[in-house]
Amino acid sequence: MKAAPELSEAEKPKPYRTIDHDRFHTAYSAIRSIDRRVPPEIAKLATHSISGPRLIDDIEISKAYLLELRVTNMLALEFPLPSISRFSLPEPFKGKHYTTWALIPGTPLESAQNILLEGFIRPANWDHNKDLSKSDVPTFGAFYLGREINRENSIPDCASRELMESSQKRGKGQQKVLIGALYRGA
């Protein structure tokens, strides 16, 4: 029998983040108590979504709510983000702010945790060139999953509902987690 080959540092498995089970269970129970229609698997997913990026103590779970999406006959569990530095809006692109766009892309759990940990979304569908006039413009996904919301600093309820309804009709929104974001610029 041969000995297993040595793994390089890059190949070695990364240690899992330890989660305090009591805090996890408390958050899970609080999410379940928001509304009796929150299924256990969604409460568990939501708890993982906020515990992975170390938000379990920052998010006020009591402010979370269910939003009924009547067009797609779905429910959305919404968490307002805490007012912490990683979620503050950056300066508008090139310092010009004529409008604000809201977008709600769908993403797998691990990507959602990374977005919440870093505090921003990286559009993956554009090319950057040092000569900005030759760069592509980031888009809001297939089927225009973004909405212009004038110059607001948060996503209004009507736009949130419309974006979530729209995302449920398209493949990207059918991923595990939807994350709302704002873009301010020209």
N, C-alpha and C. Protein backbone atom coordinates (compact mmCIF):
# COMPACT_ATOMS: atom_id res chain seq x y z
N MET A 1 0.83 -1.16 0.00
CA MET A 1 0.00 0.00 0.00
C MET A 1 0.89 1.24 0.00
N LYS A 2 0.57 2.19 -0.89
CA LYS A 2 1.36 3.41 -1.01
C LYS A 2 0.87 4.46 -0.02
N ALA A 3 1.78 5.28 0.41
CA ALA A 3 1.41 6.40 1.27
C ALA A 3 0.81 7.50 0.40
N ALA A 4 -0.14 8.24 0.96
CA ALA A 4 -0.77 9.34 0.23
C ALA A 4 0.28 10.42 -0.03
N PRO A 5 0.24 11.03 -1.23
CA PRO A 5 1.21 12.09 -1.52
C PRO A 5 0.96 13.32 -0.64
N GLU A 6 2.04 14.04 -0.35
CA GLU A 6 1.92 15.28 0.44
C GLU A 6 1.15 16.31 -0.37
N LEU A 7 0.27 17.04 0.29
CA LEU A 7 -0.48 18.10 -0.36
C LEU A 7 0.24 19.43 -0.17
N SER A 8 0.20 20.24 -1.21
CA SER A 8 0.76 21.59 -1.08
C SER A 8 -0.19 22.41 -0.21
N GLU A 9 0.25 23.58 0.23
CA GLU A 9 -0.60 24.44 1.06
C GLU A 9 -1.88 24.80 0.33
N ALA A 10 -1.79 25.06 -0.99
CA ALA A 10 -2.98 25.43 -1.77
C ALA A 10 -3.97 24.28 -1.87
N GLU A 11 -3.48 23.04 -1.84
CA GLU A 11 -4.34 21.87 -1.98
C GLU A 11 -4.96 21.41 -0.67
N LYS A 12 -4.40 21.84 0.45
CA LYS A 12 -4.93 21.41 1.74
C LYS A 12 -6.31 22.03 1.97
N PRO A 13 -7.23 21.26 2.55
CA PRO A 13 -8.56 21.81 2.80
C PRO A 13 -8.49 22.98 3.78
N LYS A 14 -9.31 23.98 3.51
CA LYS A 14 -9.36 25.15 4.39
C LYS A 14 -10.19 24.81 5.63
N PRO A 15 -9.80 25.30 6.79
CA PRO A 15 -10.59 25.02 7.99
C PRO A 15 -11.94 25.73 7.92
N TYR A 16 -12.96 25.07 8.39
CA TYR A 16 -14.28 25.69 8.43
C TYR A 16 -14.31 26.75 9.50
N ARG A 17 -15.10 27.79 9.24
CA ARG A 17 -15.30 28.79 10.27
C ARG A 17 -16.13 28.15 11.37
N THR A 18 -15.73 28.35 12.58
CA THR A 18 -16.53 27.79 13.66
C THR A 18 -17.69 28.73 13.94
N ILE A 19 -18.84 28.14 14.13
CA ILE A 19 -20.05 28.90 14.41
C ILE A 19 -20.48 28.54 15.82
N ASP A 20 -20.74 29.53 16.61
CA ASP A 20 -21.25 29.30 17.95
C ASP A 20 -22.66 28.72 17.80
N HIS A 21 -22.82 27.47 18.19
CA HIS A 21 -24.09 26.76 17.98
C HIS A 21 -25.26 27.42 18.72
N ASP A 22 -25.00 27.97 19.89
CA ASP A 22 -26.09 28.62 20.63
C ASP A 22 -26.57 29.86 19.89
N ARG A 23 -25.64 30.69 19.41
CA ARG A 23 -26.03 31.89 18.66
C ARG A 23 -26.72 31.51 17.35
N PHE A 24 -26.21 30.46 16.69
CA PHE A 24 -26.82 30.00 15.44
C PHE A 24 -28.25 29.55 15.72
N HIS A 25 -28.46 28.74 16.75
CA HIS A 25 -29.80 28.24 17.07
C HIS A 25 -30.74 29.38 17.48
N THR A 26 -30.23 30.36 18.22
CA THR A 26 -31.04 31.51 18.62
C THR A 26 -31.48 32.29 17.39
N ALA A 27 -30.56 32.53 16.44
CA ALA A 27 -30.90 33.24 15.21
C ALA A 27 -31.90 32.43 14.38
N TYR A 28 -31.65 31.13 14.27
CA TYR A 28 -32.56 30.25 13.52
C TYR A 28 -33.97 30.31 14.12
N SER A 29 -34.07 30.21 15.42
CA SER A 29 -35.38 30.25 16.09
C SER A 29 -36.06 31.61 15.88
N ALA A 30 -35.28 32.69 15.93
CA ALA A 30 -35.84 34.02 15.71
C ALA A 30 -36.36 34.16 14.28
N ILE A 31 -35.64 33.61 13.32
CA ILE A 31 -36.09 33.67 11.92
C ILE A 31 -37.37 32.85 11.75
N ARG A 32 -37.41 31.67 12.36
CA ARG A 32 -38.62 30.84 12.28
C ARG A 32 -39.83 31.55 12.89
N SER A 33 -39.59 32.38 13.92
CA SER A 33 -40.71 33.04 14.60
C SER A 33 -41.20 34.29 13.87
N ILE A 34 -40.52 34.71 12.81
CA ILE A 34 -40.96 35.89 12.04
C ILE A 34 -42.36 35.67 11.49
N ASP A 35 -42.57 34.48 10.95
CA ASP A 35 -43.86 34.14 10.34
C ASP A 35 -43.93 32.62 10.26
N ARG A 36 -45.07 32.07 10.54
CA ARG A 36 -45.21 30.61 10.54
C ARG A 36 -45.00 30.01 9.15
N ARG A 37 -45.04 30.84 8.11
CA ARG A 37 -44.86 30.34 6.74
C ARG A 37 -43.39 30.19 6.34
N VAL A 38 -42.46 30.60 7.21
CA VAL A 38 -41.02 30.44 6.91
C VAL A 38 -40.67 28.97 7.12
N PRO A 39 -40.35 28.24 6.02
CA PRO A 39 -40.01 26.82 6.16
C PRO A 39 -38.66 26.63 6.87
N PRO A 40 -38.48 25.50 7.56
CA PRO A 40 -37.22 25.25 8.28
C PRO A 40 -35.98 25.36 7.39
N GLU A 41 -36.06 24.87 6.15
CA GLU A 41 -34.88 24.92 5.27
C GLU A 41 -34.53 26.35 4.86
N ILE A 42 -35.53 27.21 4.73
CA ILE A 42 -35.27 28.63 4.41
C ILE A 42 -34.68 29.33 5.64
N ALA A 43 -35.20 29.03 6.81
CA ALA A 43 -34.65 29.62 8.05
C ALA A 43 -33.20 29.21 8.22
N LYS A 44 -32.89 27.96 7.92
CA LYS A 44 -31.51 27.48 8.04
C LYS A 44 -30.61 28.17 7.01
N LEU A 45 -31.08 28.29 5.77
CA LEU A 45 -30.32 28.99 4.73
C LEU A 45 -30.08 30.45 5.12
N ALA A 46 -31.11 31.11 5.63
CA ALA A 46 -30.97 32.51 6.04
C ALA A 46 -29.98 32.64 7.19
N THR A 47 -30.03 31.70 8.13
CA THR A 47 -29.11 31.75 9.26
C THR A 47 -27.67 31.55 8.79
N HIS A 48 -27.47 30.64 7.86
CA HIS A 48 -26.13 30.45 7.29
C HIS A 48 -25.69 31.71 6.53
N SER A 49 -26.64 32.34 5.83
CA SER A 49 -26.32 33.54 5.05
C SER A 49 -25.79 34.67 5.92
N ILE A 50 -26.32 34.80 7.13
CA ILE A 50 -25.87 35.90 8.00
C ILE A 50 -24.77 35.49 8.96
N SER A 51 -24.64 34.19 9.24
CA SER A 51 -23.59 33.78 10.19
C SER A 51 -22.24 33.64 9.50
N GLY A 52 -22.22 33.18 8.23
CA GLY A 52 -20.96 33.03 7.50
C GLY A 52 -20.17 34.33 7.39
N PRO A 53 -20.82 35.42 7.00
CA PRO A 53 -20.09 36.70 6.90
C PRO A 53 -20.04 37.48 8.21
N ARG A 54 -20.23 36.79 9.31
CA ARG A 54 -20.12 37.38 10.65
C ARG A 54 -21.09 38.55 10.87
N LEU A 55 -22.34 38.37 10.44
CA LEU A 55 -23.37 39.38 10.65
C LEU A 55 -24.41 38.97 11.68
N ILE A 56 -24.25 37.79 12.25
CA ILE A 56 -25.26 37.24 13.14
C ILE A 56 -25.55 38.15 14.33
N ASP A 57 -24.56 38.91 14.78
CA ASP A 57 -24.77 39.83 15.90
C ASP A 57 -25.17 41.23 15.45
N ASP A 58 -24.99 41.54 14.17
CA ASP A 58 -25.27 42.89 13.66
C ASP A 58 -26.68 43.04 13.08
N ILE A 59 -27.19 41.99 12.48
CA ILE A 59 -28.52 42.06 11.84
C ILE A 59 -29.60 42.00 12.91
N GLU A 60 -30.55 42.90 12.81
CA GLU A 60 -31.69 42.88 13.72
C GLU A 60 -32.76 41.98 13.10
N ILE A 61 -32.76 40.73 13.51
CA ILE A 61 -33.67 39.74 12.94
C ILE A 61 -35.12 40.15 13.15
N SER A 62 -35.39 40.87 14.22
CA SER A 62 -36.77 41.30 14.48
C SER A 62 -37.30 42.24 13.40
N LYS A 63 -36.40 42.85 12.60
CA LYS A 63 -36.83 43.75 11.52
C LYS A 63 -37.02 43.02 10.19
N ALA A 64 -36.69 41.72 10.16
CA ALA A 64 -36.90 40.93 8.94
C ALA A 64 -38.40 40.69 8.77
N TYR A 65 -38.81 40.49 7.52
CA TYR A 65 -40.23 40.27 7.25
C TYR A 65 -40.40 39.46 5.97
N LEU A 66 -41.61 38.93 5.80
CA LEU A 66 -41.95 38.20 4.59
C LEU A 66 -42.62 39.16 3.63
N LEU A 67 -42.24 39.08 2.38
CA LEU A 67 -42.83 39.89 1.33
C LEU A 67 -43.55 38.94 0.39
N GLU A 68 -44.83 39.16 0.18
CA GLU A 68 -45.60 38.30 -0.72
C GLU A 68 -45.41 38.77 -2.15
N LEU A 69 -44.94 37.86 -2.99
CA LEU A 69 -44.77 38.14 -4.42
C LEU A 69 -45.97 37.54 -5.13
N ARG A 70 -46.97 38.36 -5.39
CA ARG A 70 -48.26 37.86 -5.89
C ARG A 70 -48.19 37.34 -7.31
N VAL A 71 -47.39 37.97 -8.16
CA VAL A 71 -47.32 37.55 -9.57
C VAL A 71 -46.75 36.14 -9.70
N THR A 72 -45.70 35.84 -8.93
CA THR A 72 -45.07 34.51 -9.02
C THR A 72 -45.55 33.58 -7.91
N ASN A 73 -46.46 34.07 -7.06
CA ASN A 73 -47.00 33.27 -5.97
C ASN A 73 -45.89 32.71 -5.07
N MET A 74 -44.97 33.58 -4.70
CA MET A 74 -43.84 33.19 -3.86
C MET A 74 -43.79 34.11 -2.65
N LEU A 75 -43.00 33.71 -1.67
CA LEU A 75 -42.72 34.54 -0.51
C LEU A 75 -41.23 34.83 -0.48
N ALA A 76 -40.86 36.03 -0.09
CA ALA A 76 -39.45 36.39 0.04
C ALA A 76 -39.20 36.82 1.48
N LEU A 77 -38.17 36.27 2.08
CA LEU A 77 -37.77 36.65 3.43
C LEU A 77 -36.74 37.77 3.28
N GLU A 78 -37.06 38.96 3.76
CA GLU A 78 -36.19 40.12 3.59
C GLU A 78 -35.55 40.52 4.90
N PHE A 79 -34.22 40.78 4.83
CA PHE A 79 -33.45 41.27 5.96
C PHE A 79 -32.89 42.64 5.62
N PRO A 80 -33.30 43.70 6.33
CA PRO A 80 -32.62 44.98 6.14
C PRO A 80 -31.19 44.86 6.66
N LEU A 81 -30.24 45.38 5.92
CA LEU A 81 -28.84 45.31 6.35
C LEU A 81 -28.56 46.32 7.45
N PRO A 82 -27.65 45.98 8.33
CA PRO A 82 -27.31 46.91 9.41
C PRO A 82 -26.53 48.11 8.88
N SER A 83 -26.56 49.19 9.62
CA SER A 83 -25.80 50.39 9.25
C SER A 83 -24.37 50.24 9.77
N ILE A 84 -23.57 49.47 9.05
CA ILE A 84 -22.17 49.30 9.41
C ILE A 84 -21.33 49.74 8.21
N SER A 85 -20.07 50.02 8.44
CA SER A 85 -19.22 50.64 7.42
C SER A 85 -19.13 49.82 6.13
N ARG A 86 -19.15 48.51 6.19
CA ARG A 86 -19.00 47.74 4.95
C ARG A 86 -20.20 47.87 4.02
N PHE A 87 -21.33 48.37 4.53
CA PHE A 87 -22.52 48.54 3.69
C PHE A 87 -22.81 49.99 3.35
N SER A 88 -21.89 50.90 3.63
CA SER A 88 -22.13 52.29 3.26
C SER A 88 -21.94 52.45 1.76
N LEU A 89 -22.74 53.34 1.17
CA LEU A 89 -22.67 53.54 -0.27
C LEU A 89 -21.37 54.26 -0.63
N PRO A 90 -20.66 53.78 -1.65
CA PRO A 90 -19.45 54.48 -2.07
C PRO A 90 -19.81 55.77 -2.81
N GLU A 91 -18.82 56.57 -3.06
CA GLU A 91 -19.04 57.78 -3.85
C GLU A 91 -19.55 57.37 -5.23
N PRO A 92 -20.38 58.21 -5.85
CA PRO A 92 -20.87 57.87 -7.19
C PRO A 92 -19.72 57.70 -8.18
N PHE A 93 -19.91 56.86 -9.19
CA PHE A 93 -18.91 56.61 -10.21
C PHE A 93 -18.50 57.91 -10.86
N LYS A 94 -17.20 58.17 -10.89
CA LYS A 94 -16.62 59.40 -11.45
C LYS A 94 -17.17 60.66 -10.79
N GLY A 95 -17.69 60.53 -9.58
CA GLY A 95 -18.17 61.70 -8.83
C GLY A 95 -19.45 62.31 -9.34
N LYS A 96 -20.10 61.71 -10.32
CA LYS A 96 -21.33 62.26 -10.89
C LYS A 96 -22.50 61.38 -10.52
N HIS A 97 -23.54 62.01 -9.96
CA HIS A 97 -24.69 61.25 -9.51
C HIS A 97 -25.95 61.85 -10.12
N TYR A 98 -26.37 61.27 -11.23
CA TYR A 98 -27.58 61.74 -11.88
C TYR A 98 -28.75 60.81 -11.58
N THR A 99 -28.44 59.55 -11.30
CA THR A 99 -29.49 58.57 -11.06
C THR A 99 -28.98 57.44 -10.19
N THR A 100 -29.89 56.65 -9.68
CA THR A 100 -29.56 55.47 -8.89
C THR A 100 -30.28 54.28 -9.51
N TRP A 101 -29.56 53.19 -9.63
CA TRP A 101 -30.14 51.96 -10.14
C TRP A 101 -30.20 50.94 -9.01
N ALA A 102 -31.29 50.20 -8.93
CA ALA A 102 -31.44 49.11 -7.97
C ALA A 102 -31.35 47.81 -8.74
N LEU A 103 -30.68 46.82 -8.17
CA LEU A 103 -30.63 45.51 -8.78
C LEU A 103 -30.72 44.46 -7.70
N ILE A 104 -31.28 43.33 -8.06
CA ILE A 104 -31.40 42.22 -7.11
C ILE A 104 -31.01 40.94 -7.84
N PRO A 105 -29.70 40.64 -7.88
CA PRO A 105 -29.26 39.41 -8.56
C PRO A 105 -29.42 38.18 -7.67
N GLY A 106 -29.61 37.04 -8.30
CA GLY A 106 -29.64 35.78 -7.59
C GLY A 106 -28.23 35.22 -7.51
N THR A 107 -27.94 34.50 -6.45
CA THR A 107 -26.59 33.98 -6.25
C THR A 107 -26.65 32.73 -5.36
N PRO A 108 -25.68 31.85 -5.49
CA PRO A 108 -25.62 30.71 -4.55
C PRO A 108 -25.24 31.19 -3.14
N LEU A 109 -25.44 30.34 -2.15
CA LEU A 109 -25.19 30.70 -0.75
C LEU A 109 -23.76 31.21 -0.53
N GLU A 110 -22.76 30.48 -1.01
CA GLU A 110 -21.37 30.88 -0.77
C GLU A 110 -21.07 32.25 -1.37
N SER A 111 -21.57 32.52 -2.57
CA SER A 111 -21.36 33.83 -3.18
C SER A 111 -22.06 34.92 -2.37
N ALA A 112 -23.27 34.62 -1.89
CA ALA A 112 -24.00 35.59 -1.06
C ALA A 112 -23.22 35.92 0.21
N GLN A 113 -22.63 34.90 0.81
CA GLN A 113 -21.82 35.14 2.02
C GLN A 113 -20.62 36.01 1.70
N ASN A 114 -19.98 35.78 0.55
CA ASN A 114 -18.83 36.61 0.16
C ASN A 114 -19.25 38.05 -0.10
N ILE A 115 -20.40 38.24 -0.77
CA ILE A 115 -20.90 39.58 -1.03
C ILE A 115 -21.17 40.30 0.29
N LEU A 116 -21.81 39.60 1.22
CA LEU A 116 -22.11 40.22 2.52
C LEU A 116 -20.86 40.47 3.35
N LEU A 117 -19.86 39.62 3.20
CA LEU A 117 -18.60 39.80 3.92
C LEU A 117 -17.83 41.01 3.40
N GLU A 118 -17.81 41.17 2.08
CA GLU A 118 -17.06 42.28 1.47
C GLU A 118 -17.88 43.57 1.39
N GLY A 119 -19.19 43.45 1.30
CA GLY A 119 -20.03 44.63 1.23
C GLY A 119 -20.24 45.19 -0.15
N PHE A 120 -19.91 44.43 -1.20
CA PHE A 120 -20.21 44.90 -2.55
C PHE A 120 -20.27 43.74 -3.54
N ILE A 121 -20.91 44.02 -4.67
CA ILE A 121 -21.07 43.04 -5.74
C ILE A 121 -20.12 43.41 -6.86
N ARG A 122 -19.46 42.42 -7.41
CA ARG A 122 -18.58 42.65 -8.56
C ARG A 122 -19.29 42.20 -9.82
N PRO A 123 -19.66 43.11 -10.72
CA PRO A 123 -20.28 42.65 -11.97
C PRO A 123 -19.27 41.84 -12.77
N ALA A 124 -19.69 40.72 -13.29
CA ALA A 124 -18.77 39.81 -13.96
C ALA A 124 -18.94 39.83 -15.48
N ASN A 125 -19.71 40.76 -16.00
CA ASN A 125 -20.01 40.71 -17.41
C ASN A 125 -19.52 41.94 -18.18
N TRP A 126 -18.39 42.48 -17.76
CA TRP A 126 -17.89 43.64 -18.48
C TRP A 126 -16.38 43.61 -18.53
N ASP A 127 -15.82 44.27 -19.54
CA ASP A 127 -14.37 44.38 -19.71
C ASP A 127 -13.93 45.77 -19.29
N HIS A 128 -12.81 45.81 -18.56
CA HIS A 128 -12.26 47.09 -18.12
C HIS A 128 -11.05 47.42 -18.98
N ASN A 129 -10.98 48.65 -19.42
CA ASN A 129 -9.86 49.13 -20.21
C ASN A 129 -9.35 50.38 -19.52
N LYS A 130 -8.00 50.58 -19.52
CA LYS A 130 -7.44 51.79 -18.90
C LYS A 130 -8.05 53.04 -19.50
N ASP A 131 -8.32 53.01 -20.80
CA ASP A 131 -9.04 54.10 -21.46
C ASP A 131 -10.53 53.83 -21.21
N LEU A 132 -11.09 54.50 -20.22
CA LEU A 132 -12.46 54.19 -19.79
C LEU A 132 -13.49 54.33 -20.91
N SER A 133 -13.19 55.14 -21.94
CA SER A 133 -14.15 55.28 -23.04
C SER A 133 -14.26 53.98 -23.85
N LYS A 134 -13.28 53.07 -23.67
CA LYS A 134 -13.31 51.79 -24.39
C LYS A 134 -13.75 50.64 -23.49
N SER A 135 -14.08 50.93 -22.24
CA SER A 135 -14.55 49.89 -21.32
C SER A 135 -16.02 49.59 -21.59
N ASP A 136 -16.40 48.35 -21.30
CA ASP A 136 -17.81 48.00 -21.35
C ASP A 136 -18.49 48.60 -20.13
N VAL A 137 -19.80 48.68 -20.19
CA VAL A 137 -20.58 49.17 -19.06
C VAL A 137 -21.19 47.97 -18.37
N PRO A 138 -21.06 47.86 -17.05
CA PRO A 138 -21.71 46.74 -16.36
C PRO A 138 -23.21 46.80 -16.59
N THR A 139 -23.82 45.65 -16.83
CA THR A 139 -25.27 45.60 -17.03
C THR A 139 -25.90 44.98 -15.80
N PHE A 140 -27.18 45.01 -15.75
CA PHE A 140 -27.90 44.49 -14.60
C PHE A 140 -28.47 43.12 -14.88
N GLY A 141 -27.80 42.34 -15.69
CA GLY A 141 -28.21 40.97 -15.94
C GLY A 141 -29.18 40.85 -17.10
N ALA A 142 -29.44 39.63 -17.45
CA ALA A 142 -30.36 39.34 -18.54
C ALA A 142 -31.75 39.87 -18.19
N PHE A 143 -32.48 40.26 -19.20
CA PHE A 143 -33.86 40.70 -19.05
C PHE A 143 -33.99 41.95 -18.17
N TYR A 144 -32.93 42.74 -18.08
CA TYR A 144 -32.98 44.01 -17.37
C TYR A 144 -33.45 43.86 -15.93
N LEU A 145 -32.72 43.08 -15.14
CA LEU A 145 -33.09 42.86 -13.75
C LEU A 145 -32.67 44.02 -12.85
N GLY A 146 -32.52 45.19 -13.42
CA GLY A 146 -32.25 46.40 -12.66
C GLY A 146 -33.35 47.40 -12.94
N ARG A 147 -33.56 48.32 -12.01
CA ARG A 147 -34.58 49.35 -12.18
C ARG A 147 -33.99 50.69 -11.77
N GLU A 148 -34.27 51.71 -12.56
CA GLU A 148 -33.86 53.06 -12.21
C GLU A 148 -34.78 53.56 -11.10
N ILE A 149 -34.20 54.07 -10.03
CA ILE A 149 -35.01 54.54 -8.90
C ILE A 149 -34.69 56.00 -8.57
N ASN A 150 -34.35 56.78 -9.59
CA ASN A 150 -34.00 58.19 -9.42
C ASN A 150 -32.76 58.36 -8.57
N ARG A 151 -32.83 59.14 -7.49
CA ARG A 151 -31.64 59.42 -6.68
C ARG A 151 -31.81 58.95 -5.25
N GLU A 152 -32.46 57.86 -5.05
CA GLU A 152 -32.73 57.36 -3.70
C GLU A 152 -31.52 56.63 -3.14
N ASN A 153 -31.47 56.52 -1.79
CA ASN A 153 -30.37 55.83 -1.12
C ASN A 153 -30.75 54.46 -0.59
N SER A 154 -31.95 54.01 -0.91
CA SER A 154 -32.39 52.66 -0.55
C SER A 154 -33.40 52.21 -1.60
N ILE A 155 -33.62 50.91 -1.66
CA ILE A 155 -34.54 50.38 -2.66
C ILE A 155 -35.97 50.53 -2.12
N PRO A 156 -36.82 51.29 -2.82
CA PRO A 156 -38.21 51.42 -2.36
C PRO A 156 -38.93 50.08 -2.42
N ASP A 157 -39.93 49.90 -1.57
CA ASP A 157 -40.66 48.63 -1.52
C ASP A 157 -41.23 48.22 -2.88
N CYS A 158 -41.78 49.18 -3.62
CA CYS A 158 -42.38 48.83 -4.91
C CYS A 158 -41.31 48.32 -5.89
N ALA A 159 -40.13 48.92 -5.90
CA ALA A 159 -39.05 48.45 -6.78
C ALA A 159 -38.51 47.12 -6.31
N SER A 160 -38.42 46.94 -5.00
CA SER A 160 -37.95 45.67 -4.44
C SER A 160 -38.88 44.53 -4.86
N ARG A 161 -40.15 44.75 -4.70
CA ARG A 161 -41.15 43.73 -5.07
C ARG A 161 -41.07 43.42 -6.58
N GLU A 162 -41.00 44.48 -7.39
CA GLU A 162 -40.95 44.32 -8.85
C GLU A 162 -39.69 43.56 -9.28
N LEU A 163 -38.54 43.89 -8.68
CA LEU A 163 -37.29 43.22 -9.02
C LEU A 163 -37.30 41.75 -8.59
N MET A 164 -37.85 41.48 -7.41
CA MET A 164 -37.90 40.09 -6.95
C MET A 164 -38.87 39.27 -7.80
N GLU A 165 -40.00 39.87 -8.16
CA GLU A 165 -40.95 39.18 -9.05
C GLU A 165 -40.27 38.86 -10.37
N SER A 166 -39.59 39.86 -10.93
CA SER A 166 -38.91 39.69 -12.21
C SER A 166 -37.82 38.63 -12.13
N SER A 167 -37.08 38.62 -11.04
CA SER A 167 -35.98 37.65 -10.91
C SER A 167 -36.50 36.22 -10.78
N GLN A 168 -37.68 36.05 -10.22
CA GLN A 168 -38.23 34.71 -10.07
C GLN A 168 -38.72 34.14 -11.41
N LYS A 169 -38.93 35.02 -12.37
CA LYS A 169 -39.37 34.57 -13.69
C LYS A 169 -38.19 34.18 -14.57
N ARG A 170 -36.99 34.53 -14.17
CA ARG A 170 -35.79 34.27 -14.96
C ARG A 170 -34.88 33.33 -14.20
N GLY A 171 -34.04 32.61 -14.91
CA GLY A 171 -33.17 31.59 -14.31
C GLY A 171 -32.27 32.09 -13.20
N LYS A 172 -31.70 33.29 -13.33
CA LYS A 172 -30.73 33.77 -12.34
C LYS A 172 -31.36 33.96 -10.97
N GLY A 173 -32.60 34.41 -10.92
CA GLY A 173 -33.25 34.64 -9.65
C GLY A 173 -33.68 33.37 -8.94
N GLN A 174 -33.60 32.26 -9.62
CA GLN A 174 -34.02 31.00 -9.02
C GLN A 174 -32.89 30.37 -8.22
N GLN A 175 -31.80 31.09 -8.04
CA GLN A 175 -30.73 30.61 -7.18
C GLN A 175 -31.15 30.82 -5.73
N LYS A 176 -30.37 30.31 -4.81
CA LYS A 176 -30.75 30.26 -3.40
C LYS A 176 -31.01 31.62 -2.74
N VAL A 177 -30.19 32.63 -3.06
CA VAL A 177 -30.25 33.90 -2.33
C VAL A 177 -30.34 35.05 -3.33
N LEU A 178 -31.20 36.02 -3.04
CA LEU A 178 -31.28 37.26 -3.81
C LEU A 178 -30.68 38.36 -2.94
N ILE A 179 -29.85 39.20 -3.54
CA ILE A 179 -29.21 40.29 -2.79
C ILE A 179 -29.51 41.60 -3.49
N GLY A 180 -30.01 42.56 -2.72
CA GLY A 180 -30.30 43.88 -3.27
C GLY A 180 -29.07 44.76 -3.22
N ALA A 181 -28.89 45.56 -4.27
CA ALA A 181 -27.74 46.46 -4.33
C ALA A 181 -28.13 47.74 -5.06
N LEU A 182 -27.35 48.79 -4.83
CA LEU A 182 -27.57 50.08 -5.49
C LEU A 182 -26.33 50.48 -6.26
N TYR A 183 -26.54 51.14 -7.39
CA TYR A 183 -25.45 51.75 -8.16
C TYR A 183 -25.84 53.21 -8.35
N ARG A 184 -24.95 54.11 -7.95
CA ARG A 184 -25.19 55.54 -8.13
C ARG A 184 -24.19 56.07 -9.14
N GLY A 185 -24.66 56.80 -10.11
CA GLY A 185 -23.73 57.36 -11.07
C GLY A 185 -24.42 58.15 -12.16
N ALA A 186 -23.67 58.36 -13.22
CA ALA A 186 -24.17 59.15 -14.34
C ALA A 186 -25.04 58.30 -15.23
